[in-house]
Amino acid sequence: MLKEFMLKRLGALLSKKGAALLAPAILLVGATLAVGQNPGQSTQTAPAPTPTASQPAPSSSSSTATSFTPAQRKEIEAFIKEYLVNNPEVLLEAQTALEARMDRIQTERMAVAIKDNAADLFRPAGSPIVGNVKGDVPVIEFFDYNCGYCKKAFTELARLIDKDKSVRVVLREFPILSKGSEEASRVALAAKAQGKYWEFHRAMLESQGQANEASALRVGEKLGLDLAKLKRDMVSAEVTKEIDATRSLATKMGIQGTPHFIVGDRIIPGAPENLLELLNKHVADVRKEGCKVC
C-alpha cells in the first residue's frame, strides 16, 4: 500500500540526522519522486545482466521507472500533512539542525574572510582604538549609532574594557541604517581628531532618540568640543576614507548587520543576551590558544 511505503521512506529519512536539515515534507516528496518507483519496488536494484548475442540489451523504455499518478501524489501529500500535524516536533528538529548547519557554514566563511582581510581588521590606518592600544587580544566591533542592539551591546563592551586592561578594541563606524547614522559617524570621527572619541562614542550610545548631525553636534557641545572644527572635520577626506574603508571591509567579509564582533579569529554576530560572557570567553581562549591571523 502506498501509505505504508511512504511511512517506511519517512522513517528511513528521519533516522538520518543529516537528512533532517530541511522540512521533512520537502525531503519526503523530493526523495520519493526522484526515485519514481511503484510502492512495491525496492530502492535497491540489482546490476543489469551483460547483454549477449542471443540476449539483446533491454530497451531504454523498458527500464524507465514509472512515475506517480495524480491520485498517488494526492495520497502522498495527505499523508505528509497528517504525519506533520501528529508529529510537529519533527519540524522543530529540522529547524534546529538547519540553524546549526547555517551557523557552521557562516563560521567557516568568516574564518576565511578574517584571514584574507587580517591587515585591515587588526591594523587599520584610521579606525578609533580604545582600551589598551598595545593590548594582546584584538576586539573589533562594527556598529551603527542608530542600532538599538548596538546601544545594548555597548554596556557589555564597556564592562569588558573596564575589567580587562589588556584588550585592544577597534571600533569600526559602519553607518548602514540611515543618513543620520552616517552624519553621526562623521561627527564621531571628527571628535577623534580632538581626542574625545571614546567620550563621544559613549554619550551617543547612551543617549535616546535618533542619531543624526544635529544630535551628534549637541553631544559634542556638551563635551566641550570645538564645534566649528567638528563641522569642518566631519566632511574631511580623512573621515570619508575611514567610513568608505569600513564599508568595503564589511562587504568583503559578508557583514550586513550591526553589531558584529570579532575577537581574534572568533566571531559574535549580533548582541546575544550573554554577550559579556561570550566576549570574556573568546578573549580568554585567544589569550590561551593564540590567534594565527591577528
Protein backbone atom coordinates (compact mmCIF):
# COMPACT_ATOMS: atom_id res chain seq x y z
CA MET A 1 0.00 0.00 0.00
CA LEU A 2 1.31 3.45 -0.87
CA LYS A 3 0.78 4.84 2.63
CA GLU A 4 2.80 2.02 4.20
CA PHE A 5 5.56 2.56 1.67
CA MET A 6 5.67 6.28 2.43
CA LEU A 7 5.82 5.58 6.16
CA LYS A 8 8.88 3.38 5.64
CA ARG A 9 10.50 6.04 3.46
CA LEU A 10 9.85 8.72 6.04
CA GLY A 11 11.25 6.60 8.83
CA ALA A 12 14.40 5.94 6.84
CA LEU A 13 14.86 9.65 6.16
CA LEU A 14 14.26 10.79 9.70
CA SER A 15 16.63 8.15 11.12
CA LYS A 16 19.48 10.07 9.49
CA LYS A 17 20.26 13.33 11.28
CA GLY A 18 21.80 14.85 8.21
CA ALA A 19 18.60 14.36 6.25
CA ALA A 20 16.61 16.44 8.71
CA LEU A 21 18.12 19.70 7.54
CA LEU A 22 15.06 20.60 5.53
CA ALA A 23 11.42 20.24 6.35
CA PRO A 24 10.56 16.53 6.25
CA ALA A 25 7.77 17.18 3.80
CA ILE A 26 10.23 18.54 1.24
CA LEU A 27 12.64 15.70 1.84
CA LEU A 28 9.95 13.09 1.51
CA VAL A 29 8.48 14.42 -1.70
CA GLY A 30 11.88 15.13 -3.26
CA ALA A 31 13.44 11.79 -2.38
CA THR A 32 10.45 9.70 -3.30
CA LEU A 33 9.64 11.46 -6.55
CA ALA A 34 13.31 11.25 -7.52
CA VAL A 35 13.18 7.50 -7.10
CA GLY A 36 9.99 7.46 -9.19
CA GLN A 37 9.17 3.84 -8.42
CA ASN A 38 5.98 1.97 -7.68
CA PRO A 39 5.27 1.35 -3.97
CA GLY A 40 6.08 -2.35 -4.26
CA GLN A 41 9.55 -1.79 -5.74
CA SER A 42 12.70 -1.85 -3.65
CA THR A 43 15.07 1.11 -3.67
CA GLN A 44 17.97 -1.27 -4.19
CA THR A 45 18.42 -2.54 -7.74
CA ALA A 46 20.45 -5.47 -8.96
CA PRO A 47 23.06 -4.95 -11.66
CA ALA A 48 21.76 -5.49 -15.16
CA PRO A 49 22.91 -8.71 -16.86
CA THR A 50 25.58 -8.38 -19.51
CA PRO A 51 24.00 -8.48 -22.99
CA THR A 52 24.93 -11.39 -25.23
CA ALA A 53 24.38 -12.09 -28.88
CA SER A 54 21.37 -14.23 -28.08
CA GLN A 55 20.17 -11.83 -25.41
CA PRO A 56 19.98 -8.22 -26.65
CA ALA A 57 20.21 -5.34 -24.22
CA PRO A 58 16.86 -4.15 -22.87
CA SER A 59 15.47 -1.02 -24.47
CA SER A 60 15.60 2.25 -22.56
CA SER A 61 11.81 2.39 -22.50
CA SER A 62 11.53 -0.89 -20.59
CA SER A 63 13.96 0.29 -17.87
CA THR A 64 12.33 3.64 -17.24
CA ALA A 65 10.79 3.94 -13.77
CA THR A 66 7.06 4.53 -13.59
CA SER A 67 6.01 8.00 -12.41
CA PHE A 68 3.47 8.62 -9.68
CA THR A 69 -0.11 9.10 -10.81
CA PRO A 70 -2.09 12.20 -9.74
CA ALA A 71 -4.02 10.03 -7.30
CA GLN A 72 -0.80 8.73 -5.74
CA ARG A 73 0.62 12.22 -5.44
CA LYS A 74 -2.55 13.37 -3.70
CA GLU A 75 -2.30 10.46 -1.28
CA ILE A 76 1.34 11.31 -0.55
CA GLU A 77 0.51 14.95 0.18
CA ALA A 78 -2.33 13.94 2.50
CA PHE A 79 -0.07 11.55 4.36
CA ILE A 80 2.68 14.15 4.78
CA LYS A 81 0.21 16.64 6.21
CA GLU A 82 -1.23 14.06 8.59
CA TYR A 83 2.22 13.00 9.75
CA LEU A 84 3.48 16.53 10.43
CA VAL A 85 0.29 17.53 12.25
CA ASN A 86 0.64 14.48 14.51
CA ASN A 87 4.42 14.90 14.92
CA PRO A 88 5.14 18.67 14.97
CA GLU A 89 8.36 18.12 16.89
CA VAL A 90 9.89 16.86 13.63
CA LEU A 91 9.72 20.38 12.20
CA LEU A 92 11.46 21.79 15.28
CA GLU A 93 14.20 19.19 14.96
CA ALA A 94 14.65 20.05 11.30
CA GLN A 95 14.79 23.78 12.05
CA THR A 96 17.35 23.26 14.81
CA ALA A 97 19.53 21.13 12.53
CA LEU A 98 19.29 23.69 9.73
CA GLU A 99 20.25 26.55 12.05
CA ALA A 100 23.22 24.57 13.34
CA ARG A 101 24.43 23.88 9.82
CA MET A 102 24.00 27.52 8.77
CA ASP A 103 25.99 28.63 11.83
CA ARG A 104 28.80 26.25 10.88
CA ILE A 105 28.82 27.50 7.31
CA GLN A 106 28.89 31.13 8.47
CA THR A 107 31.73 30.41 10.88
CA GLU A 108 33.77 28.68 8.18
CA ARG A 109 33.22 31.51 5.69
CA MET A 110 34.09 34.13 8.28
CA ALA A 111 37.30 32.31 9.21
CA VAL A 112 38.46 32.60 5.60
CA ALA A 113 37.37 36.25 5.43
CA ILE A 114 39.24 37.11 8.63
CA LYS A 115 42.42 35.54 7.28
CA ASP A 116 42.11 37.29 3.92
CA ASN A 117 41.46 40.72 5.49
CA ALA A 118 43.65 40.45 8.60
CA ALA A 119 45.68 43.59 7.92
CA ASP A 120 42.61 45.83 7.54
CA LEU A 121 40.92 44.23 10.53
CA PHE A 122 43.67 44.19 13.11
CA ARG A 123 45.93 47.01 11.91
CA PRO A 124 43.64 49.68 10.43
CA ALA A 125 45.11 53.00 9.44
CA GLY A 126 42.38 55.35 10.70
CA SER A 127 39.96 53.44 12.92
CA PRO A 128 39.50 54.53 16.54
CA ILE A 129 41.17 52.24 19.09
CA VAL A 130 40.20 52.21 22.76
CA GLY A 131 41.26 50.18 25.76
CA ASN A 132 44.90 49.16 25.60
CA VAL A 133 46.26 50.28 22.22
CA LYS A 134 49.04 47.69 22.63
CA GLY A 135 46.75 45.02 24.03
CA ASP A 136 47.35 41.33 23.39
CA VAL A 137 43.81 40.46 22.22
CA PRO A 138 42.08 42.48 19.48
CA VAL A 139 38.31 43.01 19.71
CA ILE A 140 36.67 44.58 16.66
CA GLU A 141 33.10 45.89 16.57
CA PHE A 142 31.13 47.03 13.52
CA PHE A 143 28.32 49.29 14.74
CA ASP A 144 25.75 51.97 13.88
CA TYR A 145 24.66 54.75 16.26
CA ASN A 146 21.01 54.18 15.33
CA CYS A 147 21.20 50.46 16.09
CA GLY A 148 19.26 49.56 19.22
CA TYR A 149 21.24 46.37 19.68
CA CYS A 150 24.48 48.36 19.48
CA LYS A 151 23.24 50.52 22.36
CA LYS A 152 22.51 47.38 24.33
CA ALA A 153 25.88 45.84 23.47
CA PHE A 154 27.80 48.97 24.45
CA THR A 155 27.20 48.38 28.16
CA GLU A 156 28.77 44.91 27.92
CA LEU A 157 31.70 46.09 25.81
CA ALA A 158 32.40 48.93 28.26
CA ARG A 159 32.43 46.43 31.12
CA LEU A 160 34.95 44.30 29.25
CA ILE A 161 37.22 47.32 28.71
CA ASP A 162 36.94 48.41 32.34
CA LYS A 163 37.69 44.91 33.65
CA ASP A 164 40.32 43.68 31.19
CA LYS A 165 43.15 46.16 30.77
CA SER A 166 44.83 44.10 28.05
CA VAL A 167 42.21 44.13 25.31
CA ARG A 168 42.65 46.28 22.23
CA VAL A 169 39.24 47.39 20.96
CA VAL A 170 38.95 48.60 17.36
CA LEU A 171 35.68 50.44 16.66
CA ARG A 172 34.53 50.43 13.06
CA GLU A 173 31.98 53.09 12.13
CA PHE A 174 29.53 51.19 9.93
CA PRO A 175 26.55 53.53 9.32
CA ILE A 176 24.05 51.45 7.37
CA LEU A 177 20.65 52.28 8.86
CA SER A 178 20.05 55.86 7.74
CA LYS A 179 21.53 59.11 6.52
CA GLY A 180 21.56 60.27 10.13
CA SER A 181 23.74 57.29 11.03
CA GLU A 182 26.44 58.47 8.64
CA GLU A 183 26.16 62.04 9.93
CA ALA A 184 26.68 60.82 13.50
CA SER A 185 29.63 58.66 12.42
CA ARG A 186 31.24 61.63 10.72
CA VAL A 187 30.94 63.75 13.86
CA ALA A 188 32.34 60.85 15.92
CA LEU A 189 35.41 60.56 13.72
CA ALA A 190 35.80 64.34 13.85
CA ALA A 191 35.70 64.10 17.66
CA LYS A 192 38.59 61.63 17.42
CA ALA A 193 40.70 64.44 15.97
CA GLN A 194 40.09 66.38 19.20
CA GLY A 195 40.98 63.42 21.43
CA LYS A 196 37.41 62.82 22.62
CA TYR A 197 36.30 59.86 20.57
CA TRP A 198 35.54 57.40 23.42
CA GLU A 199 33.68 60.01 25.44
CA PHE A 200 31.63 60.96 22.37
CA HIS A 201 31.02 57.32 21.46
CA ARG A 202 29.76 56.53 24.96
CA ALA A 203 27.50 59.57 25.08
CA MET A 204 25.93 58.76 21.69
CA LEU A 205 25.21 55.15 22.52
CA GLU A 206 23.85 56.00 25.97
CA SER A 207 21.55 58.70 24.60
CA GLN A 208 17.95 58.24 23.48
CA GLY A 209 16.39 59.30 20.20
CA GLN A 210 17.53 59.45 16.60
CA ALA A 211 21.23 59.86 15.90
CA ASN A 212 22.00 62.45 13.24
CA GLU A 213 24.15 65.53 12.69
CA ALA A 214 22.08 67.74 15.00
CA SER A 215 22.05 65.30 17.92
CA ALA A 216 25.73 64.48 17.43
CA LEU A 217 26.73 68.15 17.47
CA ARG A 218 24.73 68.66 20.67
CA VAL A 219 26.71 65.85 22.28
CA GLY A 220 29.94 67.39 21.02
CA GLU A 221 28.96 70.73 22.53
CA LYS A 222 28.24 69.13 25.92
CA LEU A 223 31.68 67.53 25.83
CA GLY A 224 33.27 70.92 25.24
CA LEU A 225 34.45 70.22 21.73
CA ASP A 226 35.23 72.93 19.18
CA LEU A 227 32.04 72.88 17.07
CA ALA A 228 33.49 74.84 14.19
CA LYS A 229 36.34 72.34 13.89
CA LEU A 230 33.91 69.42 14.24
CA LYS A 231 31.86 70.68 11.31
CA ARG A 232 34.96 71.10 9.16
CA ASP A 233 36.48 67.75 10.06
CA MET A 234 33.28 65.73 9.65
CA VAL A 235 33.34 66.36 5.89
CA SER A 236 37.10 65.89 5.51
CA ALA A 237 38.67 63.41 3.11
CA GLU A 238 40.15 61.51 6.04
CA VAL A 239 36.74 60.88 7.62
CA THR A 240 35.21 59.88 4.30
CA LYS A 241 38.08 57.49 3.66
CA GLU A 242 37.56 55.74 7.01
CA ILE A 243 33.82 55.25 6.50
CA ASP A 244 34.34 54.01 2.94
CA ALA A 245 37.10 51.64 4.10
CA THR A 246 34.84 50.13 6.76
CA ARG A 247 32.01 49.63 4.29
CA SER A 248 34.37 47.98 1.83
CA LEU A 249 35.77 45.70 4.53
CA ALA A 250 32.29 44.72 5.70
CA THR A 251 31.33 43.84 2.12
CA LYS A 252 34.42 41.65 1.68
CA MET A 253 33.64 39.84 4.91
CA GLY A 254 29.93 39.45 4.30
CA ILE A 255 28.93 41.56 7.31
CA GLN A 256 25.48 43.01 6.68
CA GLY A 257 24.22 43.94 10.14
CA THR A 258 25.22 45.55 13.40
CA PRO A 259 26.60 44.96 15.90
CA HIS A 260 29.13 42.41 14.73
CA PHE A 261 32.07 41.47 16.96
CA ILE A 262 35.33 39.78 16.03
CA VAL A 263 37.57 38.61 18.88
CA GLY A 264 40.85 37.47 17.43
CA ASP A 265 39.75 34.81 14.94
CA ARG A 266 36.37 34.23 16.60
CA ILE A 267 33.06 35.94 15.82
CA ILE A 268 29.96 37.06 17.72
CA PRO A 269 27.20 38.24 15.36
CA GLY A 270 24.58 40.47 16.94
CA ALA A 271 24.06 41.17 20.64
CA PRO A 272 23.12 37.92 22.40
CA GLU A 273 21.88 38.01 25.98
CA ASN A 274 25.17 36.53 27.19
CA LEU A 275 27.37 38.90 25.18
CA LEU A 276 29.73 39.76 28.04
CA GLU A 277 30.16 36.07 28.85
CA LEU A 278 31.00 35.32 25.22
CA LEU A 279 33.40 38.24 24.97
CA ASN A 280 35.24 37.13 28.11
CA LYS A 281 35.35 33.52 26.90
CA HIS A 282 36.70 34.37 23.45
CA VAL A 283 39.27 36.77 24.90
CA ALA A 284 40.45 34.07 27.32
CA ASP A 285 40.57 31.46 24.54
CA VAL A 286 42.58 33.71 22.21
CA ARG A 287 44.92 34.61 25.05
CA LYS A 288 45.44 30.93 25.85
CA GLU A 289 45.47 29.39 22.37
CA GLY A 290 46.72 32.33 20.35
CA CYS A 291 45.43 33.78 17.09
CA LYS A 292 47.02 32.64 13.85
CA VAL A 293 45.80 35.60 11.81
CA CYS A 294 45.87 38.58 14.21
